[in-house]
Amino acid sequence: MKRFAFAFGCLLLVLPAAAPAQEHWTEGPVWEVWCARTTQGHFEDYIEYLRKNYLPGVEEGMKQGLILDVKYFLHVPGSASEPDICIATLHKSFGAALDYNAEVEAKTKAIAAKQYQTADEKKQAEMIAPRFEMRKDLGTTYYREIQLRPMP
């Protein structure tokens, strides 16, 4: 047990040195970046889908303060595994982007119920299912925005 306590104490002394030196920047908000590759011949269909089905919910989410901003990026893929569209959603913090919040979930469900004219989540899922045929999900990454501090 003494060895474990000693090893744990040594680990605690080393951890702060391994952390990034934040004297060089200040932390900002967090970008959640989701990327996809549209299936052959469905790029325009998918953009139209986003305008009709995704954009209204995002705009309402911004009005209600659930998210800060959204940006859409087109990418010229160099291979079949690269995205051709990415959607970046700005959150005030990692907590706002990743942590469960019952109030946020309730607001999000209310936005979806209004948009799809039903609170039935199974019916909503059926309405949005066609998007899966138009694109392949390539995943989501999170980026902390930073502001560099000027040199003294």
N, C-alpha and C. Protein backbone atom coordinates (compact mmCIF):
# COMPACT_ATOMS: atom_id res chain seq x y z
N MET A 1 0.82 -1.19 0.00
CA MET A 1 0.00 0.00 0.00
C MET A 1 0.87 1.26 0.00
N LYS A 2 2.01 1.18 0.73
CA LYS A 2 2.90 2.34 0.77
C LYS A 2 3.48 2.63 -0.62
N ARG A 3 3.78 1.57 -1.37
CA ARG A 3 4.32 1.75 -2.72
C ARG A 3 3.29 2.47 -3.61
N PHE A 4 2.02 2.06 -3.51
CA PHE A 4 0.96 2.70 -4.30
C PHE A 4 0.86 4.18 -3.94
N ALA A 5 0.87 4.50 -2.66
CA ALA A 5 0.77 5.90 -2.23
C ALA A 5 1.96 6.69 -2.74
N PHE A 6 3.16 6.12 -2.68
CA PHE A 6 4.35 6.80 -3.17
C PHE A 6 4.26 7.03 -4.68
N ALA A 7 3.85 5.97 -5.44
CA ALA A 7 3.74 6.10 -6.89
C ALA A 7 2.67 7.13 -7.26
N PHE A 8 1.55 7.13 -6.55
CA PHE A 8 0.48 8.10 -6.82
C PHE A 8 0.97 9.51 -6.54
N GLY A 9 1.71 9.69 -5.45
CA GLY A 9 2.26 11.00 -5.11
C GLY A 9 3.23 11.49 -6.18
N CYS A 10 4.06 10.60 -6.68
CA CYS A 10 5.00 10.97 -7.74
C CYS A 10 4.26 11.35 -9.02
N LEU A 11 3.19 10.62 -9.32
CA LEU A 11 2.39 10.91 -10.50
C LEU A 11 1.78 12.30 -10.41
N LEU A 12 1.31 12.65 -9.24
CA LEU A 12 0.72 13.98 -9.05
C LEU A 12 1.75 15.10 -9.25
N LEU A 13 2.98 14.83 -8.91
CA LEU A 13 4.04 15.83 -9.11
C LEU A 13 4.37 16.01 -10.59
N VAL A 14 4.23 14.94 -11.38
CA VAL A 14 4.58 14.99 -12.79
C VAL A 14 3.45 15.56 -13.64
N LEU A 15 2.20 15.30 -13.29
CA LEU A 15 1.07 15.70 -14.12
C LEU A 15 1.03 17.19 -14.46
N PRO A 16 1.22 18.11 -13.51
CA PRO A 16 1.16 19.51 -13.89
C PRO A 16 2.20 19.89 -14.94
N ALA A 17 3.35 19.25 -14.94
CA ALA A 17 4.38 19.56 -15.92
C ALA A 17 3.98 19.09 -17.31
N ALA A 18 3.13 18.06 -17.38
CA ALA A 18 2.70 17.52 -18.67
C ALA A 18 1.58 18.34 -19.29
N ALA A 19 0.89 19.15 -18.51
CA ALA A 19 -0.21 19.96 -19.04
C ALA A 19 0.34 21.06 -19.94
N PRO A 20 -0.43 21.47 -20.94
CA PRO A 20 0.03 22.55 -21.82
C PRO A 20 0.23 23.86 -21.05
N ALA A 21 1.18 24.62 -21.48
CA ALA A 21 1.48 25.90 -20.82
C ALA A 21 0.48 26.95 -21.26
N GLN A 22 -0.47 27.28 -20.40
CA GLN A 22 -1.53 28.22 -20.78
C GLN A 22 -1.14 29.68 -20.64
N GLU A 23 0.10 29.93 -20.31
CA GLU A 23 0.51 31.34 -20.28
C GLU A 23 0.58 31.90 -21.69
N HIS A 24 0.48 31.03 -22.71
CA HIS A 24 0.57 31.45 -24.10
C HIS A 24 -0.79 31.79 -24.73
N TRP A 25 -1.89 31.40 -24.06
CA TRP A 25 -3.22 31.63 -24.64
C TRP A 25 -4.29 31.71 -23.57
N THR A 26 -5.45 32.17 -23.99
CA THR A 26 -6.65 32.10 -23.14
C THR A 26 -7.64 31.18 -23.84
N GLU A 27 -8.40 30.46 -23.05
CA GLU A 27 -9.36 29.51 -23.61
C GLU A 27 -10.61 30.23 -24.10
N GLY A 28 -11.12 29.75 -25.20
CA GLY A 28 -12.35 30.29 -25.77
C GLY A 28 -13.41 29.21 -25.85
N PRO A 29 -14.38 29.40 -26.71
CA PRO A 29 -15.46 28.43 -26.87
C PRO A 29 -14.99 27.16 -27.58
N VAL A 30 -15.90 26.22 -27.74
CA VAL A 30 -15.57 24.91 -28.31
C VAL A 30 -16.35 24.68 -29.60
N TRP A 31 -15.64 24.27 -30.63
CA TRP A 31 -16.26 23.94 -31.91
C TRP A 31 -16.46 22.43 -32.00
N GLU A 32 -17.67 22.02 -32.29
CA GLU A 32 -18.01 20.63 -32.56
C GLU A 32 -18.08 20.52 -34.09
N VAL A 33 -17.18 19.75 -34.69
CA VAL A 33 -17.11 19.68 -36.14
C VAL A 33 -17.48 18.27 -36.60
N TRP A 34 -18.59 18.20 -37.32
CA TRP A 34 -19.09 16.93 -37.87
C TRP A 34 -18.85 16.95 -39.37
N CYS A 35 -18.34 15.82 -39.89
CA CYS A 35 -18.04 15.73 -41.32
C CYS A 35 -18.74 14.53 -41.96
N ALA A 36 -19.06 14.70 -43.24
CA ALA A 36 -19.71 13.63 -43.99
C ALA A 36 -19.25 13.65 -45.43
N ARG A 37 -19.48 12.54 -46.09
CA ARG A 37 -19.23 12.43 -47.52
C ARG A 37 -20.56 12.09 -48.17
N THR A 38 -21.02 12.96 -49.06
CA THR A 38 -22.29 12.68 -49.73
C THR A 38 -22.09 11.54 -50.72
N THR A 39 -23.15 10.76 -50.90
CA THR A 39 -23.08 9.66 -51.85
C THR A 39 -23.14 10.21 -53.28
N GLN A 40 -22.61 9.44 -54.19
CA GLN A 40 -22.52 9.86 -55.59
C GLN A 40 -23.87 10.34 -56.11
N GLY A 41 -23.88 11.56 -56.63
CA GLY A 41 -25.08 12.13 -57.23
C GLY A 41 -26.07 12.74 -56.25
N HIS A 42 -25.73 12.80 -54.96
CA HIS A 42 -26.68 13.31 -53.96
C HIS A 42 -26.22 14.56 -53.23
N PHE A 43 -25.15 15.18 -53.70
CA PHE A 43 -24.67 16.38 -53.02
C PHE A 43 -25.74 17.47 -52.97
N GLU A 44 -26.31 17.82 -54.10
CA GLU A 44 -27.34 18.87 -54.13
C GLU A 44 -28.56 18.48 -53.32
N ASP A 45 -28.95 17.19 -53.38
CA ASP A 45 -30.08 16.71 -52.59
C ASP A 45 -29.81 16.90 -51.10
N TYR A 46 -28.58 16.60 -50.70
CA TYR A 46 -28.25 16.70 -49.28
C TYR A 46 -28.22 18.16 -48.81
N ILE A 47 -27.69 19.05 -49.63
CA ILE A 47 -27.69 20.47 -49.28
C ILE A 47 -29.13 20.97 -49.16
N GLU A 48 -29.99 20.56 -50.07
CA GLU A 48 -31.41 20.93 -49.99
C GLU A 48 -32.04 20.37 -48.73
N TYR A 49 -31.71 19.12 -48.37
CA TYR A 49 -32.20 18.51 -47.14
C TYR A 49 -31.78 19.35 -45.93
N LEU A 50 -30.51 19.74 -45.89
CA LEU A 50 -30.02 20.55 -44.76
C LEU A 50 -30.79 21.86 -44.65
N ARG A 51 -31.00 22.53 -45.77
CA ARG A 51 -31.72 23.80 -45.77
C ARG A 51 -33.14 23.62 -45.24
N LYS A 52 -33.78 22.55 -45.63
CA LYS A 52 -35.18 22.33 -45.26
C LYS A 52 -35.33 21.77 -43.85
N ASN A 53 -34.48 20.83 -43.46
CA ASN A 53 -34.68 20.09 -42.22
C ASN A 53 -33.72 20.40 -41.09
N TYR A 54 -32.52 20.82 -41.41
CA TYR A 54 -31.51 21.06 -40.38
C TYR A 54 -31.45 22.54 -39.98
N LEU A 55 -31.41 23.40 -40.95
CA LEU A 55 -31.25 24.83 -40.72
C LEU A 55 -32.32 25.43 -39.80
N PRO A 56 -33.61 25.13 -39.97
CA PRO A 56 -34.61 25.73 -39.07
C PRO A 56 -34.37 25.40 -37.59
N GLY A 57 -34.00 24.16 -37.30
CA GLY A 57 -33.73 23.78 -35.91
C GLY A 57 -32.50 24.47 -35.35
N VAL A 58 -31.48 24.60 -36.18
CA VAL A 58 -30.25 25.29 -35.76
C VAL A 58 -30.54 26.76 -35.47
N GLU A 59 -31.28 27.40 -36.35
CA GLU A 59 -31.61 28.82 -36.13
C GLU A 59 -32.40 29.01 -34.85
N GLU A 60 -33.33 28.11 -34.57
CA GLU A 60 -34.11 28.21 -33.33
C GLU A 60 -33.21 27.93 -32.12
N GLY A 61 -32.30 26.98 -32.25
CA GLY A 61 -31.35 26.69 -31.18
C GLY A 61 -30.49 27.90 -30.84
N MET A 62 -30.10 28.67 -31.86
CA MET A 62 -29.31 29.88 -31.62
C MET A 62 -30.18 30.95 -30.94
N LYS A 63 -31.42 31.09 -31.37
CA LYS A 63 -32.33 32.06 -30.75
C LYS A 63 -32.51 31.77 -29.26
N GLN A 64 -32.57 30.47 -28.93
CA GLN A 64 -32.79 30.08 -27.54
C GLN A 64 -31.49 29.97 -26.74
N GLY A 65 -30.37 30.25 -27.36
CA GLY A 65 -29.09 30.24 -26.66
C GLY A 65 -28.50 28.86 -26.43
N LEU A 66 -29.00 27.84 -27.13
CA LEU A 66 -28.48 26.49 -26.96
C LEU A 66 -27.12 26.33 -27.63
N ILE A 67 -26.91 27.06 -28.73
CA ILE A 67 -25.63 27.09 -29.42
C ILE A 67 -25.31 28.54 -29.78
N LEU A 68 -24.04 28.82 -30.00
CA LEU A 68 -23.63 30.19 -30.29
C LEU A 68 -23.61 30.50 -31.78
N ASP A 69 -23.18 29.53 -32.59
CA ASP A 69 -23.05 29.79 -34.03
C ASP A 69 -22.93 28.45 -34.76
N VAL A 70 -23.13 28.49 -36.06
CA VAL A 70 -22.93 27.32 -36.92
C VAL A 70 -22.28 27.80 -38.21
N LYS A 71 -21.33 27.02 -38.70
CA LYS A 71 -20.67 27.31 -39.97
C LYS A 71 -20.69 26.03 -40.80
N TYR A 72 -20.81 26.20 -42.10
CA TYR A 72 -20.85 25.09 -43.04
C TYR A 72 -19.63 25.20 -43.95
N PHE A 73 -18.93 24.08 -44.12
CA PHE A 73 -17.72 24.08 -44.93
C PHE A 73 -17.82 23.02 -46.01
N LEU A 74 -17.46 23.40 -47.23
CA LEU A 74 -17.33 22.44 -48.31
C LEU A 74 -15.85 22.14 -48.48
N HIS A 75 -15.56 20.88 -48.76
CA HIS A 75 -14.18 20.42 -48.88
C HIS A 75 -14.04 19.66 -50.20
N VAL A 76 -12.97 19.91 -50.90
CA VAL A 76 -12.69 19.15 -52.12
C VAL A 76 -11.92 17.90 -51.67
N PRO A 77 -12.56 16.75 -51.68
CA PRO A 77 -11.91 15.55 -51.16
C PRO A 77 -10.77 15.07 -52.06
N GLY A 78 -9.72 14.62 -51.42
CA GLY A 78 -8.58 14.08 -52.15
C GLY A 78 -8.66 12.57 -52.29
N SER A 79 -9.58 11.95 -51.52
CA SER A 79 -9.76 10.51 -51.59
C SER A 79 -11.20 10.18 -51.19
N ALA A 80 -11.59 8.94 -51.37
CA ALA A 80 -12.96 8.51 -51.07
C ALA A 80 -13.28 8.56 -49.58
N SER A 81 -12.25 8.58 -48.75
CA SER A 81 -12.48 8.58 -47.31
C SER A 81 -12.55 9.99 -46.71
N GLU A 82 -12.37 11.02 -47.52
CA GLU A 82 -12.41 12.40 -47.02
C GLU A 82 -13.80 12.99 -47.17
N PRO A 83 -14.15 13.94 -46.30
CA PRO A 83 -15.48 14.56 -46.37
C PRO A 83 -15.59 15.54 -47.54
N ASP A 84 -16.83 15.82 -47.92
CA ASP A 84 -17.06 16.92 -48.85
C ASP A 84 -17.90 18.01 -48.19
N ILE A 85 -18.41 17.73 -46.98
CA ILE A 85 -19.12 18.75 -46.21
C ILE A 85 -18.84 18.56 -44.72
N CYS A 86 -18.65 19.68 -44.04
CA CYS A 86 -18.48 19.66 -42.58
C CYS A 86 -19.38 20.75 -42.00
N ILE A 87 -19.93 20.45 -40.84
CA ILE A 87 -20.76 21.42 -40.13
C ILE A 87 -20.12 21.66 -38.77
N ALA A 88 -19.79 22.92 -38.50
CA ALA A 88 -19.13 23.29 -37.23
C ALA A 88 -20.13 24.06 -36.37
N THR A 89 -20.36 23.55 -35.18
CA THR A 89 -21.30 24.16 -34.24
C THR A 89 -20.51 24.72 -33.06
N LEU A 90 -20.73 25.98 -32.74
CA LEU A 90 -19.99 26.63 -31.67
C LEU A 90 -20.76 26.57 -30.36
N HIS A 91 -20.08 26.04 -29.31
CA HIS A 91 -20.64 25.94 -27.96
C HIS A 91 -19.80 26.81 -27.03
N LYS A 92 -20.39 27.28 -25.95
CA LYS A 92 -19.65 28.16 -25.06
C LYS A 92 -18.54 27.44 -24.29
N SER A 93 -18.64 26.10 -24.16
CA SER A 93 -17.63 25.35 -23.42
C SER A 93 -17.71 23.87 -23.79
N PHE A 94 -16.73 23.09 -23.32
CA PHE A 94 -16.81 21.65 -23.51
C PHE A 94 -18.03 21.09 -22.80
N GLY A 95 -18.33 21.63 -21.63
CA GLY A 95 -19.51 21.18 -20.88
C GLY A 95 -20.79 21.37 -21.69
N ALA A 96 -20.92 22.53 -22.32
CA ALA A 96 -22.11 22.79 -23.13
C ALA A 96 -22.16 21.87 -24.35
N ALA A 97 -21.00 21.48 -24.87
CA ALA A 97 -20.96 20.62 -26.05
C ALA A 97 -21.17 19.15 -25.70
N LEU A 98 -20.68 18.71 -24.55
CA LEU A 98 -20.62 17.28 -24.27
C LEU A 98 -21.46 16.79 -23.09
N ASP A 99 -21.71 17.63 -22.11
CA ASP A 99 -22.40 17.16 -20.90
C ASP A 99 -23.91 17.11 -21.10
N TYR A 100 -24.54 16.12 -20.49
CA TYR A 100 -26.00 16.02 -20.54
C TYR A 100 -26.61 17.12 -19.68
N ASN A 101 -27.66 17.72 -20.22
CA ASN A 101 -28.39 18.77 -19.51
C ASN A 101 -29.87 18.56 -19.82
N ALA A 102 -30.67 18.25 -18.80
CA ALA A 102 -32.09 17.95 -19.00
C ALA A 102 -32.84 19.13 -19.60
N GLU A 103 -32.49 20.35 -19.19
CA GLU A 103 -33.16 21.54 -19.72
C GLU A 103 -32.87 21.72 -21.21
N VAL A 104 -31.62 21.52 -21.59
CA VAL A 104 -31.25 21.63 -23.00
C VAL A 104 -31.96 20.54 -23.81
N GLU A 105 -32.00 19.32 -23.28
CA GLU A 105 -32.68 18.24 -23.99
C GLU A 105 -34.16 18.56 -24.18
N ALA A 106 -34.81 19.09 -23.16
CA ALA A 106 -36.23 19.45 -23.27
C ALA A 106 -36.46 20.52 -24.33
N LYS A 107 -35.58 21.52 -24.37
CA LYS A 107 -35.70 22.57 -25.38
C LYS A 107 -35.47 22.03 -26.78
N THR A 108 -34.48 21.15 -26.91
CA THR A 108 -34.18 20.54 -28.20
C THR A 108 -35.35 19.69 -28.69
N LYS A 109 -35.95 18.92 -27.79
CA LYS A 109 -37.10 18.11 -28.17
C LYS A 109 -38.29 18.98 -28.56
N ALA A 110 -38.47 20.10 -27.88
CA ALA A 110 -39.57 21.02 -28.21
C ALA A 110 -39.35 21.63 -29.59
N ILE A 111 -38.13 21.98 -29.91
CA ILE A 111 -37.80 22.53 -31.24
C ILE A 111 -38.12 21.49 -32.31
N ALA A 112 -37.69 20.24 -32.09
CA ALA A 112 -37.94 19.17 -33.07
C ALA A 112 -39.44 18.90 -33.21
N ALA A 113 -40.17 18.88 -32.10
CA ALA A 113 -41.62 18.63 -32.15
C ALA A 113 -42.34 19.71 -32.96
N LYS A 114 -41.92 20.95 -32.78
CA LYS A 114 -42.52 22.05 -33.54
C LYS A 114 -42.16 21.94 -35.02
N GLN A 115 -40.91 21.68 -35.30
CA GLN A 115 -40.45 21.61 -36.68
C GLN A 115 -41.10 20.46 -37.44
N TYR A 116 -41.16 19.28 -36.83
CA TYR A 116 -41.70 18.10 -37.51
C TYR A 116 -43.19 17.89 -37.25
N GLN A 117 -43.79 18.79 -36.50
CA GLN A 117 -45.23 18.79 -36.20
C GLN A 117 -45.68 17.52 -35.52
N THR A 118 -44.78 16.93 -34.73
CA THR A 118 -45.11 15.77 -33.91
C THR A 118 -44.06 15.64 -32.81
N ALA A 119 -44.52 15.24 -31.62
CA ALA A 119 -43.58 14.98 -30.52
C ALA A 119 -43.13 13.52 -30.52
N ASP A 120 -43.73 12.69 -31.37
CA ASP A 120 -43.40 11.28 -31.47
C ASP A 120 -42.00 11.14 -32.10
N GLU A 121 -41.04 10.72 -31.28
CA GLU A 121 -39.66 10.63 -31.75
C GLU A 121 -39.46 9.55 -32.82
N LYS A 122 -40.28 8.51 -32.80
CA LYS A 122 -40.18 7.48 -33.85
C LYS A 122 -40.61 8.06 -35.20
N LYS A 123 -41.66 8.87 -35.19
CA LYS A 123 -42.11 9.49 -36.44
C LYS A 123 -41.07 10.50 -36.93
N GLN A 124 -40.46 11.23 -36.00
CA GLN A 124 -39.41 12.17 -36.39
C GLN A 124 -38.25 11.41 -37.03
N ALA A 125 -37.87 10.28 -36.43
CA ALA A 125 -36.77 9.47 -36.97
C ALA A 125 -37.09 8.98 -38.38
N GLU A 126 -38.35 8.61 -38.62
CA GLU A 126 -38.75 8.18 -39.95
C GLU A 126 -38.65 9.33 -40.95
N MET A 127 -38.98 10.54 -40.49
CA MET A 127 -38.95 11.71 -41.38
C MET A 127 -37.53 12.10 -41.78
N ILE A 128 -36.59 11.88 -40.88
CA ILE A 128 -35.20 12.28 -41.18
C ILE A 128 -34.35 11.13 -41.71
N ALA A 129 -34.89 9.93 -41.75
CA ALA A 129 -34.13 8.76 -42.21
C ALA A 129 -33.57 8.89 -43.63
N PRO A 130 -34.25 9.56 -44.57
CA PRO A 130 -33.71 9.65 -45.93
C PRO A 130 -32.30 10.25 -46.00
N ARG A 131 -31.91 11.02 -44.99
CA ARG A 131 -30.58 11.64 -45.04
C ARG A 131 -29.47 10.59 -45.05
N PHE A 132 -29.73 9.42 -44.46
CA PHE A 132 -28.70 8.38 -44.39
C PHE A 132 -28.36 7.82 -45.76
N GLU A 133 -29.28 7.92 -46.72
CA GLU A 133 -29.01 7.43 -48.07
C GLU A 133 -28.22 8.45 -48.88
N MET A 134 -28.18 9.70 -48.39
CA MET A 134 -27.53 10.77 -49.15
C MET A 134 -26.10 11.04 -48.69
N ARG A 135 -25.72 10.47 -47.55
CA ARG A 135 -24.38 10.77 -47.04
C ARG A 135 -23.88 9.67 -46.12
N LYS A 136 -22.55 9.67 -45.94
CA LYS A 136 -21.91 8.75 -45.00
C LYS A 136 -21.29 9.59 -43.90
N ASP A 137 -21.63 9.29 -42.66
CA ASP A 137 -21.11 10.00 -41.50
C ASP A 137 -19.64 9.63 -41.31
N LEU A 138 -18.77 10.65 -41.24
CA LEU A 138 -17.34 10.41 -41.05
C LEU A 138 -16.87 10.76 -39.65
N GLY A 139 -17.79 11.21 -38.80
CA GLY A 139 -17.44 11.44 -37.41
C GLY A 139 -17.43 12.89 -36.98
N THR A 140 -17.27 13.06 -35.69
CA THR A 140 -17.28 14.36 -35.05
C THR A 140 -16.00 14.55 -34.24
N THR A 141 -15.44 15.74 -34.31
CA THR A 141 -14.29 16.10 -33.48
C THR A 141 -14.60 17.41 -32.78
N TYR A 142 -13.88 17.67 -31.70
CA TYR A 142 -14.09 18.87 -30.90
C TYR A 142 -12.78 19.65 -30.84
N TYR A 143 -12.90 20.96 -31.01
CA TYR A 143 -11.73 21.83 -30.99
C TYR A 143 -11.97 22.98 -30.04
N ARG A 144 -11.04 23.21 -29.15
CA ARG A 144 -11.09 24.37 -28.26
C ARG A 144 -10.50 25.55 -29.01
N GLU A 145 -11.28 26.61 -29.12
CA GLU A 145 -10.75 27.85 -29.72
C GLU A 145 -9.89 28.54 -28.66
N ILE A 146 -8.77 29.05 -29.08
CA ILE A 146 -7.90 29.79 -28.16
C ILE A 146 -7.56 31.16 -28.75
N GLN A 147 -7.18 32.07 -27.88
CA GLN A 147 -6.69 33.36 -28.31
C GLN A 147 -5.25 33.46 -27.81
N LEU A 148 -4.32 33.68 -28.72
CA LEU A 148 -2.92 33.80 -28.32
C LEU A 148 -2.70 35.12 -27.58
N ARG A 149 -1.92 35.01 -26.54
CA ARG A 149 -1.56 36.21 -25.78
C ARG A 149 -0.34 36.87 -26.45
N PRO A 150 -0.30 38.19 -26.51
CA PRO A 150 0.87 38.84 -27.11
C PRO A 150 2.12 38.62 -26.27
N MET A 151 3.25 38.66 -26.90
CA MET A 151 4.51 38.52 -26.17
C MET A 151 4.74 39.82 -25.37
N PRO A 152 5.36 39.70 -24.20
CA PRO A 152 5.62 40.91 -23.37
C PRO A 152 6.63 41.83 -24.01
